[in-house]
Amino acid sequence: MWFGQLVIGPPGSGKSTYCNGMQQMLRALHRPHIVVNLDPANDFLPYDCAINLRDLVDHREVMERCRLGPNGALIHCLEYLLVNLDWLVEELKKFKDHYVLFDCPGQVEVYTHNDSMREIVTRLQKHLDARLTAVHLVDSTLCTDGYKYISALLVSLSGQLLLELPHVNVLTKIDLLKHHRHQLAFRLEYFAEVQDLSELLVAMEDAQPMTARMREHTALLCELIEDYNLVSFKLLDIQEKHSVLNLLKAIDVANGYSLGNLAADFNIFNVALDNTEDTADLLDTIQERYVDVDEDASHAASNRAEI
């Protein structure tokens, strides 16, 4: 049985950085693990990669040989992997009882316009009894723009419905919010819990008046999101261990790892997770550190440290 994470999200959301940070955390917890790169176009891997799709099929070679664009070649590579899935299954069998991080492509059409990724996940679940959680990463700076935030909600919802996996949505790059905090219309709690979106509509119209058609269209999209009531976010500062542990705890609950015999074997893991902050406290901590921070006080503290 394999437990793990299917790390997805738009390009630039920090998937490879996340896999690197999570790998360091798993290593510190002494949890046997591997990272699998399923993005054939990713030639810069900051983490130790145990299995690399590029060893099976090369994205650049597919572009040249088949005369395809980057996205077309990516879909071709995933379809090739699906046909040759035995290769991936045999590679994974070399790492029995290892926790697996799958670093996936970011192009949204891989999940919305093609069934290859969903079929790959389905077959892995069948052949390896894999228990996976989809971890969908979203750049937290999108919260500074109401339209971009709603788009992120729709993409997150789409992923949840199409992949049919336990799902954890994550706002990444939280540390960058200190440079954009004045553009946030609400506290981070609002964006994380996806609270009453009608309030967001009011704030958006106050900032920039909408046409009647745009207002109606946006309101209907918000209504769709609220009707499903599936999307919420965890906040992640990948450089802060309590933030990573809190997220790992949620993921392990989602895929059942925390309930199995494997987790019970790691005392360090159990103690570390038992001492994580609860979600409300973590939200307050991140809010104070990156959004409510006083720039003058921060610079003064930095200057004192240098002296």
C-alpha atoms as a PDB file:
ATOM      1  CA  MET A   1       0.000   0.000   0.000  1.00  0.00           C
ATOM      2  CA  TRP A   2       1.271   3.434  -0.949  1.00  0.00           C
ATOM      3  CA  PHE A   3       0.240   6.718   0.649  1.00  0.00           C
ATOM      4  CA  GLY A   4       1.096  10.058  -0.852  1.00  0.00           C
ATOM      5  CA  GLN A   5       0.277  13.399  -2.413  1.00  0.00           C
ATOM      6  CA  LEU A   6      -0.595  14.385  -5.960  1.00  0.00           C
ATOM      7  CA  VAL A   7       0.783  17.931  -6.073  1.00  0.00           C
ATOM      8  CA  ILE A   8      -1.062  20.022  -8.659  1.00  0.00           C
ATOM      9  CA  GLY A   9      -1.609  23.709  -9.372  1.00  0.00           C
ATOM     10  CA  PRO A  10      -1.046  26.379 -12.034  1.00  0.00           C
ATOM     11  CA  PRO A  11       2.471  27.141 -13.314  1.00  0.00           C
ATOM     12  CA  GLY A  12       4.285  29.363 -10.840  1.00  0.00           C
ATOM     13  CA  SER A  13       2.233  28.262  -7.839  1.00  0.00           C
ATOM     14  CA  GLY A  14       5.309  26.675  -6.258  1.00  0.00           C
ATOM     15  CA  LYS A  15       4.839  22.930  -6.826  1.00  0.00           C
ATOM     16  CA  SER A  16       8.527  22.012  -7.083  1.00  0.00           C
ATOM     17  CA  THR A  17       9.418  24.314  -4.175  1.00  0.00           C
ATOM     18  CA  TYR A  18       6.633  22.686  -2.172  1.00  0.00           C
ATOM     19  CA  CYS A  19       7.921  19.185  -2.977  1.00  0.00           C
ATOM     20  CA  ASN A  20      11.409  20.238  -1.908  1.00  0.00           C
ATOM     21  CA  GLY A  21      10.174  21.695   1.387  1.00  0.00           C
ATOM     22  CA  MET A  22       7.896  18.734   2.087  1.00  0.00           C
ATOM     23  CA  GLN A  23      10.740  16.338   1.313  1.00  0.00           C
ATOM     24  CA  GLN A  24      12.900  18.075   3.910  1.00  0.00           C
ATOM     25  CA  MET A  25      10.091  17.807   6.455  1.00  0.00           C
ATOM     26  CA  LEU A  26       9.520  14.100   5.756  1.00  0.00           C
ATOM     27  CA  ARG A  27      13.253  13.532   6.062  1.00  0.00           C
ATOM     28  CA  ALA A  28      13.288  15.301   9.439  1.00  0.00           C
ATOM     29  CA  LEU A  29      10.386  13.109  10.574  1.00  0.00           C
ATOM     30  CA  HIS A  30      12.260   9.973   9.436  1.00  0.00           C
ATOM     31  CA  ARG A  31       9.372   9.001   7.191  1.00  0.00           C
ATOM     32  CA  PRO A  32      10.534   6.881   4.215  1.00  0.00           C
ATOM     33  CA  HIS A  33       9.528   8.756   1.090  1.00  0.00           C
ATOM     34  CA  ILE A  34      10.271   9.425  -2.561  1.00  0.00           C
ATOM     35  CA  VAL A  35       9.486  12.251  -4.969  1.00  0.00           C
ATOM     36  CA  VAL A  36       8.230  11.388  -8.459  1.00  0.00           C
ATOM     37  CA  ASN A  37       8.438  13.989 -11.222  1.00  0.00           C
ATOM     38  CA  LEU A  38       5.487  13.614 -13.611  1.00  0.00           C
ATOM     39  CA  ASP A  39       6.232  16.840 -15.486  1.00  0.00           C
ATOM     40  CA  PRO A  40       8.319  15.927 -18.557  1.00  0.00           C
ATOM     41  CA  ALA A  41       8.960  19.624 -19.257  1.00  0.00           C
ATOM     42  CA  ASN A  42      10.475  20.314 -15.834  1.00  0.00           C
ATOM     43  CA  ASP A  43      14.240  20.150 -16.221  1.00  0.00           C
ATOM     44  CA  PHE A  44      15.050  21.915 -12.938  1.00  0.00           C
ATOM     45  CA  LEU A  45      14.298  19.804  -9.892  1.00  0.00           C
ATOM     46  CA  PRO A  46      15.286  21.307  -6.523  1.00  0.00           C
ATOM     47  CA  TYR A  47      14.556  18.020  -4.721  1.00  0.00           C
ATOM     48  CA  ASP A  48      16.033  14.514  -4.818  1.00  0.00           C
ATOM     49  CA  CYS A  49      14.011  12.782  -7.525  1.00  0.00           C
ATOM     50  CA  ALA A  50      13.671   8.995  -7.277  1.00  0.00           C
ATOM     51  CA  ILE A  51      11.536   8.511 -10.402  1.00  0.00           C
ATOM     52  CA  ASN A  52      11.538  10.944 -13.314  1.00  0.00           C
ATOM     53  CA  LEU A  53       9.104  10.791 -16.232  1.00  0.00           C
ATOM     54  CA  ARG A  54      11.826  12.367 -18.372  1.00  0.00           C
ATOM     55  CA  ASP A  55      13.627   9.015 -18.209  1.00  0.00           C
ATOM     56  CA  LEU A  56      10.698   7.498 -20.125  1.00  0.00           C
ATOM     57  CA  VAL A  57       9.781  10.298 -22.504  1.00  0.00           C
ATOM     58  CA  ASP A  58      11.469  13.615 -23.285  1.00  0.00           C
ATOM     59  CA  HIS A  59       9.214  16.638 -23.745  1.00  0.00           C
ATOM     60  CA  ARG A  60      11.575  18.562 -26.021  1.00  0.00           C
ATOM     61  CA  GLU A  61      12.138  15.526 -28.227  1.00  0.00           C
ATOM     62  CA  VAL A  62       8.366  15.038 -28.562  1.00  0.00           C
ATOM     63  CA  MET A  63       7.977  18.695 -29.601  1.00  0.00           C
ATOM     64  CA  GLU A  64      10.602  18.324 -32.320  1.00  0.00           C
ATOM     65  CA  ARG A  65       9.640  14.879 -33.574  1.00  0.00           C
ATOM     66  CA  CYS A  66       5.863  15.376 -33.559  1.00  0.00           C
ATOM     67  CA  ARG A  67       5.937  19.103 -34.384  1.00  0.00           C
ATOM     68  CA  LEU A  68       3.799  19.953 -31.379  1.00  0.00           C
ATOM     69  CA  GLY A  69       3.652  23.026 -29.182  1.00  0.00           C
ATOM     70  CA  PRO A  70       4.603  22.864 -25.486  1.00  0.00           C
ATOM     71  CA  ASN A  71       1.114  21.997 -24.236  1.00  0.00           C
ATOM     72  CA  GLY A  72       0.384  19.531 -27.024  1.00  0.00           C
ATOM     73  CA  ALA A  73       3.688  17.776 -26.351  1.00  0.00           C
ATOM     74  CA  LEU A  74       2.890  17.654 -22.635  1.00  0.00           C
ATOM     75  CA  ILE A  75      -0.440  15.928 -23.261  1.00  0.00           C
ATOM     76  CA  HIS A  76       1.292  13.528 -25.675  1.00  0.00           C
ATOM     77  CA  CYS A  77       3.843  12.655 -22.963  1.00  0.00           C
ATOM     78  CA  LEU A  78       1.115  11.917 -20.421  1.00  0.00           C
ATOM     79  CA  GLU A  79      -0.766   9.777 -22.930  1.00  0.00           C
ATOM     80  CA  TYR A  80       2.486   7.919 -23.597  1.00  0.00           C
ATOM     81  CA  LEU A  81       2.903   7.367 -19.851  1.00  0.00           C
ATOM     82  CA  LEU A  82      -0.647   6.037 -19.644  1.00  0.00           C
ATOM     83  CA  VAL A  83       0.082   3.495 -22.389  1.00  0.00           C
ATOM     84  CA  ASN A  84       3.324   2.519 -20.637  1.00  0.00           C
ATOM     85  CA  LEU A  85       2.063   2.760 -17.065  1.00  0.00           C
ATOM     86  CA  ASP A  86       3.703  -0.575 -16.231  1.00  0.00           C
ATOM     87  CA  TRP A  87       7.005   1.321 -16.263  1.00  0.00           C
ATOM     88  CA  LEU A  88       5.843   3.627 -13.471  1.00  0.00           C
ATOM     89  CA  VAL A  89       4.247   0.776 -11.508  1.00  0.00           C
ATOM     90  CA  GLU A  90       7.461  -1.266 -11.611  1.00  0.00           C
ATOM     91  CA  GLU A  91       9.538   1.751 -10.578  1.00  0.00           C
ATOM     92  CA  LEU A  92       7.228   2.431  -7.629  1.00  0.00           C
ATOM     93  CA  LYS A  93       7.401  -1.205  -6.515  1.00  0.00           C
ATOM     94  CA  LYS A  94      11.098  -0.658  -5.812  1.00  0.00           C
ATOM     95  CA  PHE A  95      10.039   1.676  -2.978  1.00  0.00           C
ATOM     96  CA  LYS A  96       7.473  -0.358  -1.096  1.00  0.00           C
ATOM     97  CA  ASP A  97       5.935   1.333   1.963  1.00  0.00           C
ATOM     98  CA  HIS A  98       7.381   4.696   0.959  1.00  0.00           C
ATOM     99  CA  TYR A  99       5.338   7.877   1.122  1.00  0.00           C
ATOM    100  CA  VAL A 100       5.131   9.334  -2.401  1.00  0.00           C
ATOM    101  CA  LEU A 101       5.088  12.943  -3.590  1.00  0.00           C
ATOM    102  CA  PHE A 102       3.985  13.272  -7.227  1.00  0.00           C
ATOM    103  CA  ASP A 103       5.126  16.580  -8.743  1.00  0.00           C
ATOM    104  CA  CYS A 104       2.617  17.116 -11.565  1.00  0.00           C
ATOM    105  CA  PRO A 105       2.407  19.441 -14.587  1.00  0.00           C
ATOM    106  CA  GLY A 106       0.719  22.779 -14.032  1.00  0.00           C
ATOM    107  CA  GLN A 107      -1.164  23.284 -17.288  1.00  0.00           C
ATOM    108  CA  VAL A 108      -4.865  23.274 -16.443  1.00  0.00           C
ATOM    109  CA  GLU A 109      -5.879  21.561 -19.695  1.00  0.00           C
ATOM    110  CA  VAL A 110      -4.123  18.416 -18.460  1.00  0.00           C
ATOM    111  CA  TYR A 111      -6.969  18.060 -15.968  1.00  0.00           C
ATOM    112  CA  THR A 112      -9.881  19.782 -17.729  1.00  0.00           C
ATOM    113  CA  HIS A 113      -9.523  18.755 -21.389  1.00  0.00           C
ATOM    114  CA  ASN A 114      -7.795  15.387 -21.164  1.00  0.00           C
ATOM    115  CA  ASP A 115      -8.455  12.236 -19.146  1.00  0.00           C
ATOM    116  CA  SER A 116      -4.866  10.959 -19.030  1.00  0.00           C
ATOM    117  CA  MET A 117      -3.982  12.286 -15.571  1.00  0.00           C
ATOM    118  CA  ARG A 118      -7.223  11.087 -14.026  1.00  0.00           C
ATOM    119  CA  GLU A 119      -6.787   7.668 -15.671  1.00  0.00           C
ATOM    120  CA  ILE A 120      -3.185   7.447 -14.426  1.00  0.00           C
ATOM    121  CA  VAL A 121      -4.348   8.154 -10.876  1.00  0.00           C
ATOM    122  CA  THR A 122      -7.205   5.648 -11.154  1.00  0.00           C
ATOM    123  CA  ARG A 123      -4.892   2.876 -12.344  1.00  0.00           C
ATOM    124  CA  LEU A 124      -2.305   3.590  -9.653  1.00  0.00           C
ATOM    125  CA  GLN A 125      -5.046   3.286  -7.064  1.00  0.00           C
ATOM    126  CA  LYS A 126      -6.115  -0.019  -8.586  1.00  0.00           C
ATOM    127  CA  HIS A 127      -2.730  -1.655  -9.188  1.00  0.00           C
ATOM    128  CA  LEU A 128      -0.862  -0.381  -6.123  1.00  0.00           C
ATOM    129  CA  ASP A 129      -3.706   0.276  -3.695  1.00  0.00           C
ATOM    130  CA  ALA A 130      -2.407   3.861  -3.617  1.00  0.00           C
ATOM    131  CA  ARG A 131      -4.117   6.218  -1.159  1.00  0.00           C
ATOM    132  CA  LEU A 132      -3.511   9.704  -2.506  1.00  0.00           C
ATOM    133  CA  THR A 133      -4.520  13.219  -1.563  1.00  0.00           C
ATOM    134  CA  ALA A 134      -4.627  15.858  -4.288  1.00  0.00           C
ATOM    135  CA  VAL A 135      -2.793  18.933  -2.976  1.00  0.00           C
ATOM    136  CA  HIS A 136      -3.820  21.894  -5.115  1.00  0.00           C
ATOM    137  CA  LEU A 137      -1.510  24.899  -4.775  1.00  0.00           C
ATOM    138  CA  VAL A 138      -2.644  28.465  -5.452  1.00  0.00           C
ATOM    139  CA  ASP A 139      -0.464  31.592  -5.272  1.00  0.00           C
ATOM    140  CA  SER A 140      -1.749  33.575  -2.273  1.00  0.00           C
ATOM    141  CA  THR A 141      -1.104  36.909  -4.008  1.00  0.00           C
ATOM    142  CA  LEU A 142      -4.169  36.177  -6.180  1.00  0.00           C
ATOM    143  CA  CYS A 143      -6.211  37.129  -3.107  1.00  0.00           C
ATOM    144  CA  THR A 144      -5.316  40.756  -3.773  1.00  0.00           C
ATOM    145  CA  ASP A 145      -7.538  40.755  -6.876  1.00  0.00           C
ATOM    146  CA  GLY A 146     -11.151  39.647  -6.554  1.00  0.00           C
ATOM    147  CA  TYR A 147     -11.395  38.409 -10.140  1.00  0.00           C
ATOM    148  CA  LYS A 148      -8.221  36.338  -9.846  1.00  0.00           C
ATOM    149  CA  TYR A 149      -9.369  34.923  -6.507  1.00  0.00           C
ATOM    150  CA  ILE A 150     -12.699  33.807  -8.004  1.00  0.00           C
ATOM    151  CA  SER A 151     -10.810  32.242 -10.928  1.00  0.00           C
ATOM    152  CA  ALA A 152      -8.620  30.359  -8.440  1.00  0.00           C
ATOM    153  CA  LEU A 153     -11.738  29.108  -6.652  1.00  0.00           C
ATOM    154  CA  LEU A 154     -13.169  27.814  -9.936  1.00  0.00           C
ATOM    155  CA  VAL A 155      -9.931  26.034 -10.878  1.00  0.00           C
ATOM    156  CA  SER A 156      -9.750  24.474  -7.401  1.00  0.00           C
ATOM    157  CA  LEU A 157     -13.361  23.331  -7.618  1.00  0.00           C
ATOM    158  CA  SER A 158     -12.770  21.910 -11.092  1.00  0.00           C
ATOM    159  CA  GLY A 159      -9.805  19.873  -9.828  1.00  0.00           C
ATOM    160  CA  GLN A 160     -11.823  18.463  -6.949  1.00  0.00           C
ATOM    161  CA  LEU A 161     -14.645  17.365  -9.233  1.00  0.00           C
ATOM    162  CA  LEU A 162     -12.491  15.944 -12.030  1.00  0.00           C
ATOM    163  CA  LEU A 163      -9.807  14.032 -10.111  1.00  0.00           C
ATOM    164  CA  GLU A 164     -12.185  12.404  -7.615  1.00  0.00           C
ATOM    165  CA  LEU A 165      -9.546  12.319  -4.864  1.00  0.00           C
ATOM    166  CA  PRO A 166      -9.459  13.589  -1.292  1.00  0.00           C
ATOM    167  CA  HIS A 167      -8.503  17.209  -1.827  1.00  0.00           C
ATOM    168  CA  VAL A 168      -6.580  19.844   0.122  1.00  0.00           C
ATOM    169  CA  ASN A 169      -6.322  23.327  -1.388  1.00  0.00           C
ATOM    170  CA  VAL A 170      -3.347  25.417  -0.307  1.00  0.00           C
ATOM    171  CA  LEU A 171      -2.511  29.123  -0.531  1.00  0.00           C
ATOM    172  CA  THR A 172       1.253  29.251  -1.068  1.00  0.00           C
ATOM    173  CA  LYS A 173       3.880  32.017  -0.989  1.00  0.00           C
ATOM    174  CA  ILE A 174       2.225  33.526   2.079  1.00  0.00           C
ATOM    175  CA  ASP A 175       5.429  35.406   2.890  1.00  0.00           C
ATOM    176  CA  LEU A 176       4.951  37.532  -0.261  1.00  0.00           C
ATOM    177  CA  LEU A 177       1.733  38.995   1.141  1.00  0.00           C
ATOM    178  CA  LYS A 178       3.754  41.408   3.265  1.00  0.00           C
ATOM    179  CA  HIS A 179       4.458  43.263   0.000  1.00  0.00           C
ATOM    180  CA  HIS A 180       0.772  43.284  -1.030  1.00  0.00           C
ATOM    181  CA  ARG A 181      -1.060  43.461   2.296  1.00  0.00           C
ATOM    182  CA  HIS A 182      -2.617  46.862   1.567  1.00  0.00           C
ATOM    183  CA  GLN A 183      -4.362  45.321  -1.444  1.00  0.00           C
ATOM    184  CA  LEU A 184      -6.176  42.701   0.650  1.00  0.00           C
ATOM    185  CA  ALA A 185      -9.844  43.590   1.109  1.00  0.00           C
ATOM    186  CA  PHE A 186     -10.297  41.165   4.036  1.00  0.00           C
ATOM    187  CA  ARG A 187      -8.359  39.229   6.638  1.00  0.00           C
ATOM    188  CA  LEU A 188      -6.696  35.987   5.524  1.00  0.00           C
ATOM    189  CA  GLU A 189      -9.341  33.991   7.375  1.00  0.00           C
ATOM    190  CA  TYR A 190     -11.931  35.205   4.866  1.00  0.00           C
ATOM    191  CA  PHE A 191      -9.936  33.964   1.865  1.00  0.00           C
ATOM    192  CA  ALA A 192      -8.958  30.677   3.516  1.00  0.00           C
ATOM    193  CA  GLU A 193     -12.478  29.726   4.563  1.00  0.00           C
ATOM    194  CA  VAL A 194     -14.144  31.144   1.415  1.00  0.00           C
ATOM    195  CA  GLN A 195     -16.725  33.018   3.442  1.00  0.00           C
ATOM    196  CA  ASP A 196     -19.733  34.970   2.107  1.00  0.00           C
ATOM    197  CA  LEU A 197     -18.656  35.859  -1.445  1.00  0.00           C
ATOM    198  CA  SER A 198     -21.299  38.575  -1.711  1.00  0.00           C
ATOM    199  CA  GLU A 199     -19.024  40.670   0.515  1.00  0.00           C
ATOM    200  CA  LEU A 200     -16.233  40.197  -2.009  1.00  0.00           C
ATOM    201  CA  LEU A 201     -18.522  41.373  -4.802  1.00  0.00           C
ATOM    202  CA  VAL A 202     -19.257  44.578  -2.889  1.00  0.00           C
ATOM    203  CA  ALA A 203     -15.540  45.185  -2.303  1.00  0.00           C
ATOM    204  CA  MET A 204     -14.765  44.538  -5.981  1.00  0.00           C
ATOM    205  CA  GLU A 205     -17.391  47.023  -7.123  1.00  0.00           C
ATOM    206  CA  ASP A 206     -16.198  49.630  -4.635  1.00  0.00           C
ATOM    207  CA  ALA A 207     -12.698  49.325  -6.080  1.00  0.00           C
ATOM    208  CA  GLN A 208     -13.830  49.347  -9.715  1.00  0.00           C
ATOM    209  CA  PRO A 209     -17.468  49.738 -10.811  1.00  0.00           C
ATOM    210  CA  MET A 210     -18.810  46.856 -12.937  1.00  0.00           C
ATOM    211  CA  THR A 211     -21.260  46.824 -15.789  1.00  0.00           C
ATOM    212  CA  ALA A 212     -24.616  45.216 -15.025  1.00  0.00           C
ATOM    213  CA  ARG A 213     -23.737  42.187 -17.143  1.00  0.00           C
ATOM    214  CA  MET A 214     -20.357  41.711 -15.470  1.00  0.00           C
ATOM    215  CA  ARG A 215     -21.946  42.032 -12.028  1.00  0.00           C
ATOM    216  CA  GLU A 216     -24.561  39.419 -12.864  1.00  0.00           C
ATOM    217  CA  HIS A 217     -22.011  37.044 -14.391  1.00  0.00           C
ATOM    218  CA  THR A 218     -19.640  37.342 -11.424  1.00  0.00           C
ATOM    219  CA  ALA A 219     -22.489  36.873  -8.945  1.00  0.00           C
ATOM    220  CA  LEU A 220     -23.551  33.663 -10.719  1.00  0.00           C
ATOM    221  CA  LEU A 221     -20.002  32.292 -10.563  1.00  0.00           C
ATOM    222  CA  CYS A 222     -19.867  33.043  -6.839  1.00  0.00           C
ATOM    223  CA  GLU A 223     -23.236  31.360  -6.384  1.00  0.00           C
ATOM    224  CA  LEU A 224     -21.935  28.261  -8.176  1.00  0.00           C
ATOM    225  CA  ILE A 225     -18.916  28.081  -5.863  1.00  0.00           C
ATOM    226  CA  GLU A 226     -21.061  28.506  -2.760  1.00  0.00           C
ATOM    227  CA  ASP A 227     -23.628  25.946  -3.926  1.00  0.00           C
ATOM    228  CA  TYR A 228     -20.949  23.257  -4.145  1.00  0.00           C
ATOM    229  CA  ASN A 229     -19.471  24.397  -0.811  1.00  0.00           C
ATOM    230  CA  LEU A 230     -16.347  22.299  -1.358  1.00  0.00           C
ATOM    231  CA  VAL A 231     -13.496  24.794  -1.580  1.00  0.00           C
ATOM    232  CA  SER A 232     -11.451  26.065   1.344  1.00  0.00           C
ATOM    233  CA  PHE A 233      -7.731  26.680   1.752  1.00  0.00           C
ATOM    234  CA  LYS A 234      -4.884  25.896   4.098  1.00  0.00           C
ATOM    235  CA  LEU A 235      -2.221  28.594   4.407  1.00  0.00           C
ATOM    236  CA  LEU A 236       1.383  27.598   3.834  1.00  0.00           C
ATOM    237  CA  ASP A 237       4.674  29.255   4.605  1.00  0.00           C
ATOM    238  CA  ILE A 238       7.027  26.562   3.301  1.00  0.00           C
ATOM    239  CA  GLN A 239       9.920  27.999   5.343  1.00  0.00           C
ATOM    240  CA  GLU A 240       8.019  27.667   8.643  1.00  0.00           C
ATOM    241  CA  LYS A 241       7.937  24.157  10.111  1.00  0.00           C
ATOM    242  CA  HIS A 242       4.689  24.540  12.073  1.00  0.00           C
ATOM    243  CA  SER A 243       2.920  25.659   8.910  1.00  0.00           C
ATOM    244  CA  VAL A 244       4.238  22.631   6.993  1.00  0.00           C
ATOM    245  CA  LEU A 245       3.371  20.242   9.832  1.00  0.00           C
ATOM    246  CA  ASN A 246      -0.141  21.614  10.090  1.00  0.00           C
ATOM    247  CA  LEU A 247      -0.660  21.039   6.375  1.00  0.00           C
ATOM    248  CA  LEU A 248       0.884  17.556   6.495  1.00  0.00           C
ATOM    249  CA  LYS A 249      -1.481  16.646   9.312  1.00  0.00           C
ATOM    250  CA  ALA A 250      -4.503  17.642   7.203  1.00  0.00           C
ATOM    251  CA  ILE A 251      -3.200  15.709   4.195  1.00  0.00           C
ATOM    252  CA  ASP A 252      -2.542  12.572   6.243  1.00  0.00           C
ATOM    253  CA  VAL A 253      -6.055  12.673   7.643  1.00  0.00           C
ATOM    254  CA  ALA A 254      -7.446  13.055   4.116  1.00  0.00           C
ATOM    255  CA  ASN A 255      -5.663  10.021   2.647  1.00  0.00           C
ATOM    256  CA  GLY A 256      -5.862   7.888   5.793  1.00  0.00           C
ATOM    257  CA  TYR A 257      -2.131   7.727   6.539  1.00  0.00           C
ATOM    258  CA  SER A 258      -2.652   8.990  10.087  1.00  0.00           C
ATOM    259  CA  LEU A 259      -5.023   6.088  10.789  1.00  0.00           C
ATOM    260  CA  GLY A 260      -2.740   3.322   9.533  1.00  0.00           C
ATOM    261  CA  ASN A 261      -0.043   1.238  11.181  1.00  0.00           C
ATOM    262  CA  LEU A 262       2.731   3.052   9.319  1.00  0.00           C
ATOM    263  CA  ALA A 263       2.248   6.359  11.135  1.00  0.00           C
ATOM    264  CA  ALA A 264       2.254   4.666  14.538  1.00  0.00           C
ATOM    265  CA  ASP A 265       5.842   3.519  13.977  1.00  0.00           C
ATOM    266  CA  PHE A 266       7.228   7.067  13.985  1.00  0.00           C
ATOM    267  CA  ASN A 267       7.315   8.596  17.453  1.00  0.00           C
ATOM    268  CA  ILE A 268       8.932  11.793  16.200  1.00  0.00           C
ATOM    269  CA  PHE A 269       6.155  12.153  13.642  1.00  0.00           C
ATOM    270  CA  ASN A 270       3.409  11.694  16.218  1.00  0.00           C
ATOM    271  CA  VAL A 271       4.928  14.074  18.765  1.00  0.00           C
ATOM    272  CA  ALA A 272       5.546  16.742  16.119  1.00  0.00           C
ATOM    273  CA  LEU A 273       2.000  16.595  14.792  1.00  0.00           C
ATOM    274  CA  ASP A 274       0.454  16.557  18.248  1.00  0.00           C
ATOM    275  CA  ASN A 275       2.216  19.833  18.999  1.00  0.00           C
ATOM    276  CA  THR A 276       1.091  21.722  15.904  1.00  0.00           C
ATOM    277  CA  GLU A 277      -1.067  24.806  16.270  1.00  0.00           C
ATOM    278  CA  ASP A 278      -4.741  24.475  15.472  1.00  0.00           C
ATOM    279  CA  THR A 279      -5.995  26.108  12.280  1.00  0.00           C
ATOM    280  CA  ALA A 280      -7.411  29.231  13.953  1.00  0.00           C
ATOM    281  CA  ASP A 281      -4.176  29.939  15.850  1.00  0.00           C
ATOM    282  CA  LEU A 282      -2.097  29.371  12.727  1.00  0.00           C
ATOM    283  CA  LEU A 283      -4.271  31.785  10.739  1.00  0.00           C
ATOM    284  CA  ASP A 284      -3.815  34.437  13.421  1.00  0.00           C
ATOM    285  CA  THR A 285      -0.059  33.848  13.533  1.00  0.00           C
ATOM    286  CA  ILE A 286       0.338  34.212   9.770  1.00  0.00           C
ATOM    287  CA  GLN A 287      -1.966  37.255   9.727  1.00  0.00           C
ATOM    288  CA  GLU A 288       0.171  38.983  12.359  1.00  0.00           C
ATOM    289  CA  ARG A 289       3.472  38.003  10.786  1.00  0.00           C
ATOM    290  CA  TYR A 290       2.838  38.940   7.166  1.00  0.00           C
ATOM    291  CA  VAL A 291      -0.251  41.159   6.941  1.00  0.00           C
ATOM    292  CA  ASP A 292      -0.557  43.141  10.167  1.00  0.00           C
ATOM    293  CA  VAL A 293       3.194  43.671  10.394  1.00  0.00           C
ATOM    294  CA  ASP A 294       4.391  47.231  11.030  1.00  0.00           C
ATOM    295  CA  GLU A 295       6.987  48.049   8.358  1.00  0.00           C
ATOM    296  CA  ASP A 296       8.727  50.703  10.470  1.00  0.00           C
ATOM    297  CA  ALA A 297       8.985  48.358  13.440  1.00  0.00           C
ATOM    298  CA  SER A 298      10.199  45.586  11.160  1.00  0.00           C
ATOM    299  CA  HIS A 299      12.937  47.779   9.665  1.00  0.00           C
ATOM    300  CA  ALA A 300      13.956  48.998  13.114  1.00  0.00           C
ATOM    301  CA  ALA A 301      14.248  45.435  14.380  1.00  0.00           C
ATOM    302  CA  SER A 302      16.271  44.513  11.302  1.00  0.00           C
ATOM    303  CA  ASN A 303      18.633  47.455  11.840  1.00  0.00           C
ATOM    304  CA  ARG A 304      19.105  46.563  15.502  1.00  0.00           C
ATOM    305  CA  ALA A 305      19.934  43.004  14.494  1.00  0.00           C
ATOM    306  CA  GLU A 306      22.579  44.239  12.042  1.00  0.00           C
ATOM    307  CA  ILE A 307      24.152  46.479  14.703  1.00  0.00           C
END
